[in-house]
């Protein structure tokens, strides 16, 4: 599941903050991670050495922010075993035999409860 979300996660980060999003394959709704401020966003590197150091810090902080976003996204999305798509909780159903997205449930005439509305 982690790899599926990671594959679908978009990076909207800039030089001041880190931000990621994931969209539902079914309804198209987009979930955005809470923005995380880059610790050196208000500082200008004094020289090339500092620029290299700041870039390393930026990369490290982005990795941490992406990991946080990934963990949070896992609570908002599910993988449909039928169509192999990533869908939000509003489009995922708990069914009797196997949980699936609402599109597959409709197509297969399955009944169930939507995870959240």
PDB file of N, CA and C in Angstrom:
ATOM      1  N   UNK A   1       0.826  -1.194   0.000  1.00  0.00           N
ATOM      2  CA  UNK A   1       0.000   0.000   0.000  1.00  0.00           C
ATOM      3  C   UNK A   1       0.870   1.257   0.000  1.00  0.00           C
ATOM      4  N   UNK A   2       1.952   1.219   0.778  1.00  0.00           N
ATOM      5  CA  UNK A   2       2.852   2.367   0.854  1.00  0.00           C
ATOM      6  C   UNK A   2       3.370   2.756  -0.528  1.00  0.00           C
ATOM      7  N   UNK A   3       3.800   1.766  -1.293  1.00  0.00           N
ATOM      8  CA  UNK A   3       4.356   2.032  -2.624  1.00  0.00           C
ATOM      9  C   UNK A   3       3.308   2.582  -3.579  1.00  0.00           C
ATOM     10  N   UNK A   4       2.075   2.129  -3.434  1.00  0.00           N
ATOM     11  CA  UNK A   4       0.993   2.613  -4.301  1.00  0.00           C
ATOM     12  C   UNK A   4       0.708   4.081  -4.010  1.00  0.00           C
ATOM     13  N   UNK A   5       0.643   4.428  -2.731  1.00  0.00           N
ATOM     14  CA  UNK A   5       0.417   5.836  -2.371  1.00  0.00           C
ATOM     15  C   UNK A   5       1.597   6.681  -2.824  1.00  0.00           C
ATOM     16  N   UNK A   6       2.801   6.191  -2.575  1.00  0.00           N
ATOM     17  CA  UNK A   6       4.010   6.923  -2.972  1.00  0.00           C
ATOM     18  C   UNK A   6       4.008   7.207  -4.469  1.00  0.00           C
ATOM     19  N   UNK A   7       3.611   6.214  -5.254  1.00  0.00           N
ATOM     20  CA  UNK A   7       3.559   6.354  -6.714  1.00  0.00           C
ATOM     21  C   UNK A   7       2.544   7.425  -7.135  1.00  0.00           C
ATOM     22  N   UNK A   8       1.487   7.580  -6.346  1.00  0.00           N
ATOM     23  CA  UNK A   8       0.426   8.539  -6.669  1.00  0.00           C
ATOM     24  C   UNK A   8       0.575   9.889  -5.976  1.00  0.00           C
ATOM     25  N   UNK A   9       1.571  10.006  -5.105  1.00  0.00           N
ATOM     26  CA  UNK A   9       1.765  11.240  -4.351  1.00  0.00           C
ATOM     27  C   UNK A   9       2.493  12.275  -5.212  1.00  0.00           C
ATOM     28  N   UNK A  10       1.944  13.487  -5.232  1.00  0.00           N
ATOM     29  CA  UNK A  10       2.558  14.590  -5.980  1.00  0.00           C
ATOM     30  C   UNK A  10       3.239  15.532  -5.001  1.00  0.00           C
ATOM     31  N   UNK A  11       4.377  16.040  -5.433  1.00  0.00           N
ATOM     32  CA  UNK A  11       5.165  16.947  -4.607  1.00  0.00           C
ATOM     33  C   UNK A  11       4.905  18.382  -5.065  1.00  0.00           C
ATOM     34  N   UNK A  12       4.419  19.207  -4.146  1.00  0.00           N
ATOM     35  CA  UNK A  12       4.149  20.621  -4.431  1.00  0.00           C
ATOM     36  C   UNK A  12       5.049  21.523  -3.586  1.00  0.00           C
ATOM     37  N   UNK A  13       6.159  20.992  -3.159  1.00  0.00           N
ATOM     38  CA  UNK A  13       7.071  21.729  -2.277  1.00  0.00           C
ATOM     39  C   UNK A  13       7.746  22.875  -3.016  1.00  0.00           C
ATOM     40  N   UNK A  14       8.161  23.873  -2.234  1.00  0.00           N
ATOM     41  CA  UNK A  14       8.951  24.976  -2.782  1.00  0.00           C
ATOM     42  C   UNK A  14      10.064  25.298  -1.795  1.00  0.00           C
ATOM     43  N   UNK A  15      10.710  26.416  -1.940  1.00  0.00           N
ATOM     44  CA  UNK A  15      11.853  26.746  -1.091  1.00  0.00           C
ATOM     45  C   UNK A  15      11.462  27.159   0.328  1.00  0.00           C
ATOM     46  N   UNK A  16      10.172  27.342   0.593  1.00  0.00           N
ATOM     47  CA  UNK A  16       9.777  27.740   1.937  1.00  0.00           C
ATOM     48  C   UNK A  16       9.061  26.634   2.719  1.00  0.00           C
ATOM     49  N   UNK A  17       8.388  25.716   2.007  1.00  0.00           N
ATOM     50  CA  UNK A  17       7.681  24.651   2.715  1.00  0.00           C
ATOM     51  C   UNK A  17       7.543  23.408   1.847  1.00  0.00           C
ATOM     52  N   UNK A  18       7.206  22.323   2.524  1.00  0.00           N
ATOM     53  CA  UNK A  18       7.004  21.037   1.860  1.00  0.00           C
ATOM     54  C   UNK A  18       5.517  20.711   1.894  1.00  0.00           C
ATOM     55  N   UNK A  19       4.985  20.295   0.754  1.00  0.00           N
ATOM     56  CA  UNK A  19       3.566  19.990   0.635  1.00  0.00           C
ATOM     57  C   UNK A  19       3.388  18.876  -0.389  1.00  0.00           C
ATOM     58  N   UNK A  20       2.529  17.916  -0.059  1.00  0.00           N
ATOM     59  CA  UNK A  20       2.290  16.779  -0.941  1.00  0.00           C
ATOM     60  C   UNK A  20       0.787  16.567  -1.077  1.00  0.00           C
ATOM     61  N   UNK A  21       0.378  15.918  -2.168  1.00  0.00           N
ATOM     62  CA  UNK A  21      -1.035  15.626  -2.368  1.00  0.00           C
ATOM     63  C   UNK A  21      -1.207  14.246  -2.983  1.00  0.00           C
ATOM     64  N   UNK A  22      -2.399  13.702  -2.757  1.00  0.00           N
ATOM     65  CA  UNK A  22      -2.801  12.428  -3.353  1.00  0.00           C
ATOM     66  C   UNK A  22      -4.243  12.609  -3.802  1.00  0.00           C
ATOM     67  N   UNK A  23      -4.558  12.111  -5.005  1.00  0.00           N
ATOM     68  CA  UNK A  23      -5.914  12.233  -5.533  1.00  0.00           C
ATOM     69  C   UNK A  23      -6.568  10.865  -5.653  1.00  0.00           C
ATOM     70  N   UNK A  24      -7.866  10.861  -5.437  1.00  0.00           N
ATOM     71  CA  UNK A  24      -8.663   9.643  -5.541  1.00  0.00           C
ATOM     72  C   UNK A  24      -8.878   9.290  -7.016  1.00  0.00           C
ATOM     73  N   UNK A  25      -8.643   8.046  -7.364  1.00  0.00           N
ATOM     74  CA  UNK A  25      -8.833   7.587  -8.745  1.00  0.00           C
ATOM     75  C   UNK A  25     -10.302   7.481  -9.111  1.00  0.00           C
ATOM     76  N   UNK A  26     -11.159   7.474  -8.109  1.00  0.00           N
ATOM     77  CA  UNK A  26     -12.583   7.303  -8.357  1.00  0.00           C
ATOM     78  C   UNK A  26     -13.302   8.651  -8.492  1.00  0.00           C
ATOM     79  N   UNK A  27     -13.227   9.491  -7.468  1.00  0.00           N
ATOM     80  CA  UNK A  27     -13.964  10.763  -7.476  1.00  0.00           C
ATOM     81  C   UNK A  27     -13.092  11.965  -7.836  1.00  0.00           C
ATOM     82  N   UNK A  28     -11.777  11.796  -7.787  1.00  0.00           N
ATOM     83  CA  UNK A  28     -10.867  12.877  -8.137  1.00  0.00           C
ATOM     84  C   UNK A  28     -10.557  13.834  -7.009  1.00  0.00           C
ATOM     85  N   UNK A  29     -11.181  13.657  -5.835  1.00  0.00           N
ATOM     86  CA  UNK A  29     -10.873  14.525  -4.692  1.00  0.00           C
ATOM     87  C   UNK A  29      -9.399  14.442  -4.361  1.00  0.00           C
ATOM     88  N   UNK A  30      -8.851  15.565  -3.965  1.00  0.00           N
ATOM     89  CA  UNK A  30      -7.429  15.620  -3.639  1.00  0.00           C
ATOM     90  C   UNK A  30      -7.256  15.890  -2.158  1.00  0.00           C
ATOM     91  N   UNK A  31      -6.399  15.098  -1.544  1.00  0.00           N
ATOM     92  CA  UNK A  31      -6.007  15.304  -0.153  1.00  0.00           C
ATOM     93  C   UNK A  31      -4.637  15.979  -0.173  1.00  0.00           C
ATOM     94  N   UNK A  32      -4.482  17.030   0.623  1.00  0.00           N
ATOM     95  CA  UNK A  32      -3.204  17.733   0.747  1.00  0.00           C
ATOM     96  C   UNK A  32      -2.637  17.518   2.139  1.00  0.00           C
ATOM     97  N   UNK A  33      -1.356  17.246   2.184  1.00  0.00           N
ATOM     98  CA  UNK A  33      -0.691  17.110   3.473  1.00  0.00           C
ATOM     99  C   UNK A  33      -0.608  18.478   4.135  1.00  0.00           C
ATOM    100  N   UNK A  34      -0.531  18.495   5.454  1.00  0.00           N
ATOM    101  CA  UNK A  34      -0.288  19.784   6.107  1.00  0.00           C
ATOM    102  C   UNK A  34       1.086  20.310   5.671  1.00  0.00           C
ATOM    103  N   UNK A  35       1.205  21.608   5.371  1.00  0.00           N
ATOM    104  CA  UNK A  35       2.510  22.130   4.963  1.00  0.00           C
ATOM    105  C   UNK A  35       3.517  22.073   6.112  1.00  0.00           C
ATOM    106  N   UNK A  36       4.747  21.741   5.761  1.00  0.00           N
ATOM    107  CA  UNK A  36       5.842  21.698   6.729  1.00  0.00           C
ATOM    108  C   UNK A  36       6.868  22.745   6.313  1.00  0.00           C
ATOM    109  N   UNK A  37       7.181  23.646   7.212  1.00  0.00           N
ATOM    110  CA  UNK A  37       8.113  24.735   6.924  1.00  0.00           C
ATOM    111  C   UNK A  37       9.546  24.223   6.816  1.00  0.00           C
ATOM    112  N   UNK A  38      10.256  24.668   5.795  1.00  0.00           N
ATOM    113  CA  UNK A  38      11.684  24.373   5.639  1.00  0.00           C
ATOM    114  C   UNK A  38      12.439  25.228   6.651  1.00  0.00           C
ATOM    115  N   UNK A  39      13.244  24.628   7.484  1.00  0.00           N
ATOM    116  CA  UNK A  39      13.902  25.327   8.597  1.00  0.00           C
ATOM    117  C   UNK A  39      14.815  26.473   8.164  1.00  0.00           C
ATOM    118  N   UNK A  40      15.325  26.440   6.958  1.00  0.00           N
ATOM    119  CA  UNK A  40      16.228  27.495   6.480  1.00  0.00           C
ATOM    120  C   UNK A  40      15.558  28.407   5.454  1.00  0.00           C
ATOM    121  N   UNK A  41      14.229  28.409   5.428  1.00  0.00           N
ATOM    122  CA  UNK A  41      13.516  29.152   4.382  1.00  0.00           C
ATOM    123  C   UNK A  41      13.762  30.655   4.404  1.00  0.00           C
ATOM    124  N   UNK A  42      14.069  31.208   5.563  1.00  0.00           N
ATOM    125  CA  UNK A  42      14.286  32.652   5.658  1.00  0.00           C
ATOM    126  C   UNK A  42      15.759  33.036   5.651  1.00  0.00           C
ATOM    127  N   UNK A  43      16.620  32.068   5.391  1.00  0.00           N
ATOM    128  CA  UNK A  43      18.058  32.340   5.396  1.00  0.00           C
ATOM    129  C   UNK A  43      18.633  32.241   3.990  1.00  0.00           C
ATOM    130  N   UNK A  44      19.551  33.129   3.688  1.00  0.00           N
ATOM    131  CA  UNK A  44      20.255  33.108   2.402  1.00  0.00           C
ATOM    132  C   UNK A  44      21.666  32.598   2.684  1.00  0.00           C
ATOM    133  N   UNK A  45      22.081  31.549   1.981  1.00  0.00           N
ATOM    134  CA  UNK A  45      23.433  31.036   2.224  1.00  0.00           C
ATOM    135  C   UNK A  45      24.492  32.093   1.910  1.00  0.00           C
ATOM    136  N   UNK A  46      25.467  32.217   2.792  1.00  0.00           N
ATOM    137  CA  UNK A  46      26.495  33.254   2.658  1.00  0.00           C
ATOM    138  C   UNK A  46      27.505  32.941   1.563  1.00  0.00           C
ATOM    139  N   UNK A  47      27.663  31.669   1.246  1.00  0.00           N
ATOM    140  CA  UNK A  47      28.641  31.277   0.231  1.00  0.00           C
ATOM    141  C   UNK A  47      28.256  29.920  -0.361  1.00  0.00           C
ATOM    142  N   UNK A  48      29.063  29.436  -1.284  1.00  0.00           N
ATOM    143  CA  UNK A  48      28.771  28.169  -1.968  1.00  0.00           C
ATOM    144  C   UNK A  48      28.748  26.995  -1.000  1.00  0.00           C
ATOM    145  N   UNK A  49      29.637  26.993  -0.025  1.00  0.00           N
ATOM    146  CA  UNK A  49      29.665  25.906   0.962  1.00  0.00           C
ATOM    147  C   UNK A  49      28.350  25.848   1.740  1.00  0.00           C
ATOM    148  N   UNK A  50      27.879  27.013   2.172  1.00  0.00           N
ATOM    149  CA  UNK A  50      26.600  27.072   2.895  1.00  0.00           C
ATOM    150  C   UNK A  50      25.435  26.667   1.988  1.00  0.00           C
ATOM    151  N   UNK A  51      25.487  27.029   0.713  1.00  0.00           N
ATOM    152  CA  UNK A  51      24.434  26.641  -0.232  1.00  0.00           C
ATOM    153  C   UNK A  51      24.355  25.123  -0.321  1.00  0.00           C
ATOM    154  N   UNK A  52      25.497  24.465  -0.386  1.00  0.00           N
ATOM    155  CA  UNK A  52      25.544  23.004  -0.450  1.00  0.00           C
ATOM    156  C   UNK A  52      24.976  22.393   0.833  1.00  0.00           C
ATOM    157  N   UNK A  53      25.346  22.978   1.972  1.00  0.00           N
ATOM    158  CA  UNK A  53      24.832  22.501   3.260  1.00  0.00           C
ATOM    159  C   UNK A  53      23.318  22.695   3.339  1.00  0.00           C
ATOM    160  N   UNK A  54      22.846  23.875   2.934  1.00  0.00           N
ATOM    161  CA  UNK A  54      21.404  24.150   2.969  1.00  0.00           C
ATOM    162  C   UNK A  54      20.645  23.190   2.043  1.00  0.00           C
ATOM    163  N   UNK A  55      21.226  22.876   0.906  1.00  0.00           N
ATOM    164  CA  UNK A  55      20.573  21.936  -0.022  1.00  0.00           C
ATOM    165  C   UNK A  55      20.460  20.553   0.613  1.00  0.00           C
ATOM    166  N   UNK A  56      21.494  20.152   1.316  1.00  0.00           N
ATOM    167  CA  UNK A  56      21.465  18.862   1.998  1.00  0.00           C
ATOM    168  C   UNK A  56      20.385  18.860   3.096  1.00  0.00           C
ATOM    169  N   UNK A  57      20.300  19.940   3.847  1.00  0.00           N
ATOM    170  CA  UNK A  57      19.270  20.063   4.875  1.00  0.00           C
ATOM    171  C   UNK A  57      17.886  20.023   4.234  1.00  0.00           C
ATOM    172  N   UNK A  58      17.727  20.758   3.130  1.00  0.00           N
ATOM    173  CA  UNK A  58      16.455  20.786   2.406  1.00  0.00           C
ATOM    174  C   UNK A  58      16.038  19.374   1.981  1.00  0.00           C
ATOM    175  N   UNK A  59      16.975  18.643   1.384  1.00  0.00           N
ATOM    176  CA  UNK A  59      16.669  17.279   0.930  1.00  0.00           C
ATOM    177  C   UNK A  59      16.278  16.377   2.099  1.00  0.00           C
ATOM    178  N   UNK A  60      17.002  16.485   3.199  1.00  0.00           N
ATOM    179  CA  UNK A  60      16.709  15.676   4.378  1.00  0.00           C
ATOM    180  C   UNK A  60      15.326  16.020   4.946  1.00  0.00           C
ATOM    181  N   UNK A  61      15.026  17.297   5.062  1.00  0.00           N
ATOM    182  CA  UNK A  61      13.730  17.719   5.590  1.00  0.00           C
ATOM    183  C   UNK A  61      12.589  17.333   4.651  1.00  0.00           C
ATOM    184  N   UNK A  62      12.843  17.368   3.336  1.00  0.00           N
ATOM    185  CA  UNK A  62      11.814  16.956   2.383  1.00  0.00           C
ATOM    186  C   UNK A  62      11.505  15.472   2.540  1.00  0.00           C
ATOM    187  N   UNK A  63      12.530  14.655   2.717  1.00  0.00           N
ATOM    188  CA  UNK A  63      12.316  13.224   2.919  1.00  0.00           C
ATOM    189  C   UNK A  63      11.476  12.970   4.170  1.00  0.00           C
ATOM    190  N   UNK A  64      11.770  13.684   5.238  1.00  0.00           N
ATOM    191  CA  UNK A  64      10.999  13.539   6.477  1.00  0.00           C
ATOM    192  C   UNK A  64       9.555  13.982   6.276  1.00  0.00           C
ATOM    193  N   UNK A  65       9.356  15.102   5.590  1.00  0.00           N
ATOM    194  CA  UNK A  65       8.006  15.611   5.336  1.00  0.00           C
ATOM    195  C   UNK A  65       7.223  14.648   4.435  1.00  0.00           C
ATOM    196  N   UNK A  66       7.896  14.066   3.451  1.00  0.00           N
ATOM    197  CA  UNK A  66       7.242  13.098   2.558  1.00  0.00           C
ATOM    198  C   UNK A  66       6.827  11.849   3.338  1.00  0.00           C
ATOM    199  N   UNK A  67       7.669  11.398   4.261  1.00  0.00           N
ATOM    200  CA  UNK A  67       7.341  10.231   5.080  1.00  0.00           C
ATOM    201  C   UNK A  67       6.126  10.521   5.971  1.00  0.00           C
ATOM    202  N   UNK A  68       6.078  11.715   6.543  1.00  0.00           N
ATOM    203  CA  UNK A  68       4.915  12.112   7.354  1.00  0.00           C
ATOM    204  C   UNK A  68       3.650  12.158   6.495  1.00  0.00           C
ATOM    205  N   UNK A  69       3.764  12.737   5.305  1.00  0.00           N
ATOM    206  CA  UNK A  69       2.624  12.828   4.394  1.00  0.00           C
ATOM    207  C   UNK A  69       2.147  11.438   3.988  1.00  0.00           C
ATOM    208  N   UNK A  70       3.078  10.553   3.717  1.00  0.00           N
ATOM    209  CA  UNK A  70       2.738   9.183   3.333  1.00  0.00           C
ATOM    210  C   UNK A  70       1.957   8.491   4.446  1.00  0.00           C
ATOM    211  N   UNK A  71       2.433   8.604   5.675  1.00  0.00           N
ATOM    212  CA  UNK A  71       1.739   7.981   6.807  1.00  0.00           C
ATOM    213  C   UNK A  71       0.345   8.555   7.000  1.00  0.00           C
ATOM    214  N   UNK A  72       0.211   9.857   6.825  1.00  0.00           N
ATOM    215  CA  UNK A  72      -1.097  10.492   6.965  1.00  0.00           C
ATOM    216  C   UNK A  72      -2.027  10.073   5.823  1.00  0.00           C
ATOM    217  N   UNK A  73      -1.509  10.018   4.608  1.00  0.00           N
ATOM    218  CA  UNK A  73      -2.322   9.635   3.445  1.00  0.00           C
ATOM    219  C   UNK A  73      -2.874   8.218   3.595  1.00  0.00           C
ATOM    220  N   UNK A  74      -2.132   7.370   4.270  1.00  0.00           N
ATOM    221  CA  UNK A  74      -2.575   5.983   4.466  1.00  0.00           C
ATOM    222  C   UNK A  74      -3.881   5.913   5.250  1.00  0.00           C
ATOM    223  N   UNK A  75      -4.197   6.939   6.021  1.00  0.00           N
ATOM    224  CA  UNK A  75      -5.450   6.942   6.774  1.00  0.00           C
ATOM    225  C   UNK A  75      -6.622   7.468   5.936  1.00  0.00           C
ATOM    226  N   UNK A  76      -6.332   8.029   4.769  1.00  0.00           N
ATOM    227  CA  UNK A  76      -7.368   8.623   3.917  1.00  0.00           C
ATOM    228  C   UNK A  76      -7.653   7.824   2.648  1.00  0.00           C
ATOM    229  N   UNK A  77      -6.792   6.842   2.334  1.00  0.00           N
ATOM    230  CA  UNK A  77      -6.905   6.118   1.060  1.00  0.00           C
ATOM    231  C   UNK A  77      -6.858   4.611   1.260  1.00  0.00           C
ATOM    232  N   UNK A  78      -7.443   3.920   0.287  1.00  0.00           N
ATOM    233  CA  UNK A  78      -7.465   2.460   0.270  1.00  0.00           C
ATOM    234  C   UNK A  78      -7.141   1.988  -1.147  1.00  0.00           C
ATOM    235  N   UNK A  79      -6.688   0.759  -1.231  1.00  0.00           N
ATOM    236  CA  UNK A  79      -6.380   0.142  -2.511  1.00  0.00           C
ATOM    237  C   UNK A  79      -7.494  -0.841  -2.841  1.00  0.00           C
ATOM    238  N   UNK A  80      -8.116  -0.660  -3.988  1.00  0.00           N
ATOM    239  CA  UNK A  80      -9.176  -1.578  -4.413  1.00  0.00           C
ATOM    240  C   UNK A  80      -8.534  -2.820  -5.030  1.00  0.00           C
ATOM    241  N   UNK A  81      -8.779  -3.985  -4.458  1.00  0.00           N
ATOM    242  CA  UNK A  81      -8.170  -5.207  -4.994  1.00  0.00           C
ATOM    243  C   UNK A  81      -8.780  -5.653  -6.323  1.00  0.00           C
ATOM    244  N   UNK A  82      -9.923  -5.091  -6.663  1.00  0.00           N
ATOM    245  CA  UNK A  82     -10.597  -5.483  -7.906  1.00  0.00           C
ATOM    246  C   UNK A  82     -10.039  -4.712  -9.108  1.00  0.00           C
ATOM    247  N   UNK A  83     -10.039  -3.388  -9.036  1.00  0.00           N
ATOM    248  CA  UNK A  83      -9.594  -2.573 -10.175  1.00  0.00           C
ATOM    249  C   UNK A  83      -8.156  -2.076 -10.019  1.00  0.00           C
ATOM    250  N   UNK A  84      -7.572  -2.319  -8.837  1.00  0.00           N
ATOM    251  CA  UNK A  84      -6.175  -1.950  -8.544  1.00  0.00           C
ATOM    252  C   UNK A  84      -5.950  -0.443  -8.513  1.00  0.00           C
ATOM    253  N   UNK A  85      -6.984   0.314  -8.105  1.00  0.00           N
ATOM    254  CA  UNK A  85      -6.867   1.766  -8.035  1.00  0.00           C
ATOM    255  C   UNK A  85      -6.816   2.226  -6.580  1.00  0.00           C
ATOM    256  N   UNK A  86      -6.207   3.384  -6.393  1.00  0.00           N
ATOM    257  CA  UNK A  86      -6.145   4.025  -5.089  1.00  0.00           C
ATOM    258  C   UNK A  86      -7.354   4.943  -4.966  1.00  0.00           C
ATOM    259  N   UNK A  87      -8.169   4.712  -3.943  1.00  0.00           N
ATOM    260  CA  UNK A  87      -9.384   5.505  -3.766  1.00  0.00           C
ATOM    261  C   UNK A  87      -9.491   6.037  -2.345  1.00  0.00           C
ATOM    262  N   UNK A  88     -10.159   7.167  -2.207  1.00  0.00           N
ATOM    263  CA  UNK A  88     -10.339   7.775  -0.882  1.00  0.00           C
ATOM    264  C   UNK A  88     -11.355   6.971  -0.073  1.00  0.00           C
ATOM    265  N   UNK A  89     -11.419   7.264   1.218  1.00  0.00           N
ATOM    266  CA  UNK A  89     -12.356   6.566   2.102  1.00  0.00           C
ATOM    267  C   UNK A  89     -13.808   6.770   1.693  1.00  0.00           C
ATOM    268  N   UNK A  90     -14.111   7.900   1.045  1.00  0.00           N
ATOM    269  CA  UNK A  90     -15.481   8.163   0.590  1.00  0.00           C
ATOM    270  C   UNK A  90     -15.883   7.277  -0.583  1.00  0.00           C
ATOM    271  N   UNK A  91     -14.914   6.677  -1.243  1.00  0.00           N
ATOM    272  CA  UNK A  91     -15.176   5.844  -2.421  1.00  0.00           C
ATOM    273  C   UNK A  91     -14.831   4.373  -2.181  1.00  0.00           C
ATOM    274  N   UNK A  92     -14.636   4.001  -0.926  1.00  0.00           N
ATOM    275  CA  UNK A  92     -14.253   2.625  -0.607  1.00  0.00           C
ATOM    276  C   UNK A  92     -15.309   2.005   0.292  1.00  0.00           C
ATOM    277  N   UNK A  93     -15.686   0.776  -0.031  1.00  0.00           N
ATOM    278  CA  UNK A  93     -16.752   0.105   0.699  1.00  0.00           C
ATOM    279  C   UNK A  93     -16.251  -1.137   1.422  1.00  0.00           C
ATOM    280  N   UNK A  94     -16.797  -1.339   2.600  1.00  0.00           N
ATOM    281  CA  UNK A  94     -16.579  -2.564   3.354  1.00  0.00           C
ATOM    282  C   UNK A  94     -17.727  -3.492   2.943  1.00  0.00           C
ATOM    283  N   UNK A  95     -17.395  -4.538   2.219  1.00  0.00           N
ATOM    284  CA  UNK A  95     -18.399  -5.471   1.706  1.00  0.00           C
ATOM    285  C   UNK A  95     -18.297  -6.808   2.447  1.00  0.00           C
ATOM    286  N   UNK A  96     -19.247  -7.677   2.189  1.00  0.00           N
ATOM    287  CA  UNK A  96     -19.303  -8.954   2.903  1.00  0.00           C
ATOM    288  C   UNK A  96     -18.089  -9.836   2.642  1.00  0.00           C
ATOM    289  N   UNK A  97     -17.751 -10.058   1.380  1.00  0.00           N
ATOM    290  CA  UNK A  97     -16.671 -10.987   1.051  1.00  0.00           C
ATOM    291  C   UNK A  97     -15.321 -10.314   0.868  1.00  0.00           C
ATOM    292  N   UNK A  98     -15.318  -9.174   0.195  1.00  0.00           N
ATOM    293  CA  UNK A  98     -14.063  -8.465  -0.060  1.00  0.00           C
ATOM    294  C   UNK A  98     -14.366  -6.977  -0.174  1.00  0.00           C
ATOM    295  N   UNK A  99     -13.563  -6.161   0.461  1.00  0.00           N
ATOM    296  CA  UNK A  99     -13.747  -4.715   0.403  1.00  0.00           C
ATOM    297  C   UNK A  99     -13.296  -4.208  -0.958  1.00  0.00           C
ATOM    298  N   UNK A 100     -13.978  -3.176  -1.468  1.00  0.00           N
ATOM    299  CA  UNK A 100     -13.668  -2.669  -2.810  1.00  0.00           C
ATOM    300  C   UNK A 100     -14.186  -1.253  -2.976  1.00  0.00           C
ATOM    301  N   UNK A 101     -13.782  -0.622  -4.072  1.00  0.00           N
ATOM    302  CA  UNK A 101     -14.252   0.732  -4.355  1.00  0.00           C
ATOM    303  C   UNK A 101     -15.718   0.700  -4.772  1.00  0.00           C
ATOM    304  N   UNK A 102     -16.368   1.853  -4.676  1.00  0.00           N
ATOM    305  CA  UNK A 102     -17.792   1.917  -4.993  1.00  0.00           C
ATOM    306  C   UNK A 102     -18.074   1.602  -6.458  1.00  0.00           C
ATOM    307  N   UNK A 103     -17.139   1.923  -7.350  1.00  0.00           N
ATOM    308  CA  UNK A 103     -17.338   1.623  -8.774  1.00  0.00           C
ATOM    309  C   UNK A 103     -17.388   0.119  -9.011  1.00  0.00           C
ATOM    310  N   UNK A 104     -16.442  -0.597  -8.411  1.00  0.00           N
ATOM    311  CA  UNK A 104     -16.419  -2.057  -8.562  1.00  0.00           C
ATOM    312  C   UNK A 104     -17.626  -2.687  -7.873  1.00  0.00           C
ATOM    313  N   UNK A 105     -17.996  -2.158  -6.698  1.00  0.00           N
ATOM    314  CA  UNK A 105     -19.153  -2.695  -5.984  1.00  0.00           C
ATOM    315  C   UNK A 105     -20.424  -2.534  -6.816  1.00  0.00           C
ATOM    316  N   UNK A 106     -20.553  -1.381  -7.449  1.00  0.00           N
ATOM    317  CA  UNK A 106     -21.732  -1.147  -8.295  1.00  0.00           C
ATOM    318  C   UNK A 106     -21.732  -2.111  -9.481  1.00  0.00           C
ATOM    319  N   UNK A 107     -20.575  -2.216 -10.122  1.00  0.00           N
ATOM    320  CA  UNK A 107     -20.455  -3.100 -11.294  1.00  0.00           C
ATOM    321  C   UNK A 107     -20.718  -4.564 -10.922  1.00  0.00           C
ATOM    322  N   UNK A 108     -20.271  -4.981  -9.749  1.00  0.00           N
ATOM    323  CA  UNK A 108     -20.428  -6.368  -9.315  1.00  0.00           C
ATOM    324  C   UNK A 108     -21.689  -6.582  -8.468  1.00  0.00           C
ATOM    325  N   UNK A 109     -22.491  -5.522  -8.338  1.00  0.00           N
ATOM    326  CA  UNK A 109     -23.737  -5.559  -7.581  1.00  0.00           C
ATOM    327  C   UNK A 109     -23.522  -6.023  -6.143  1.00  0.00           C
ATOM    328  N   UNK A 110     -22.478  -5.497  -5.529  1.00  0.00           N
ATOM    329  CA  UNK A 110     -22.153  -5.805  -4.129  1.00  0.00           C
ATOM    330  C   UNK A 110     -22.704  -4.703  -3.238  1.00  0.00           C
ATOM    331  N   UNK A 111     -23.116  -5.071  -2.057  1.00  0.00           N
ATOM    332  CA  UNK A 111     -23.601  -4.129  -1.051  1.00  0.00           C
ATOM    333  C   UNK A 111     -22.541  -3.990   0.008  1.00  0.00           C
ATOM    334  N   UNK A 112     -22.536  -2.856   0.673  1.00  0.00           N
ATOM    335  CA  UNK A 112     -21.596  -2.645   1.752  1.00  0.00           C
ATOM    336  C   UNK A 112     -21.746  -1.266   2.357  1.00  0.00           C
ATOM    337  N   UNK A 113     -20.847  -0.967   3.253  1.00  0.00           N
ATOM    338  CA  UNK A 113     -20.821   0.324   3.940  1.00  0.00           C
ATOM    339  C   UNK A 113     -19.625   1.130   3.475  1.00  0.00           C
ATOM    340  N   UNK A 114     -19.842   2.393   3.145  1.00  0.00           N
ATOM    341  CA  UNK A 114     -18.740   3.270   2.763  1.00  0.00           C
ATOM    342  C   UNK A 114     -17.913   3.556   4.008  1.00  0.00           C
ATOM    343  N   UNK A 115     -16.587   3.573   3.850  1.00  0.00           N
ATOM    344  CA  UNK A 115     -15.704   3.780   4.991  1.00  0.00           C
ATOM    345  C   UNK A 115     -16.017   5.080   5.699  1.00  0.00           C
ATOM    346  N   UNK A 116     -16.119   6.195   4.962  1.00  0.00           N
ATOM    347  CA  UNK A 116     -16.510   7.479   5.562  1.00  0.00           C
ATOM    348  C   UNK A 116     -17.226   8.318   4.529  1.00  0.00           C
ATOM    349  N   UNK A 117     -18.011   9.235   5.015  1.00  0.00           N
ATOM    350  CA  UNK A 117     -18.728  10.101   4.070  1.00  0.00           C
ATOM    351  C   UNK A 117     -18.528  11.548   4.401  1.00  0.00           C
TER     352      UNK A 117
END
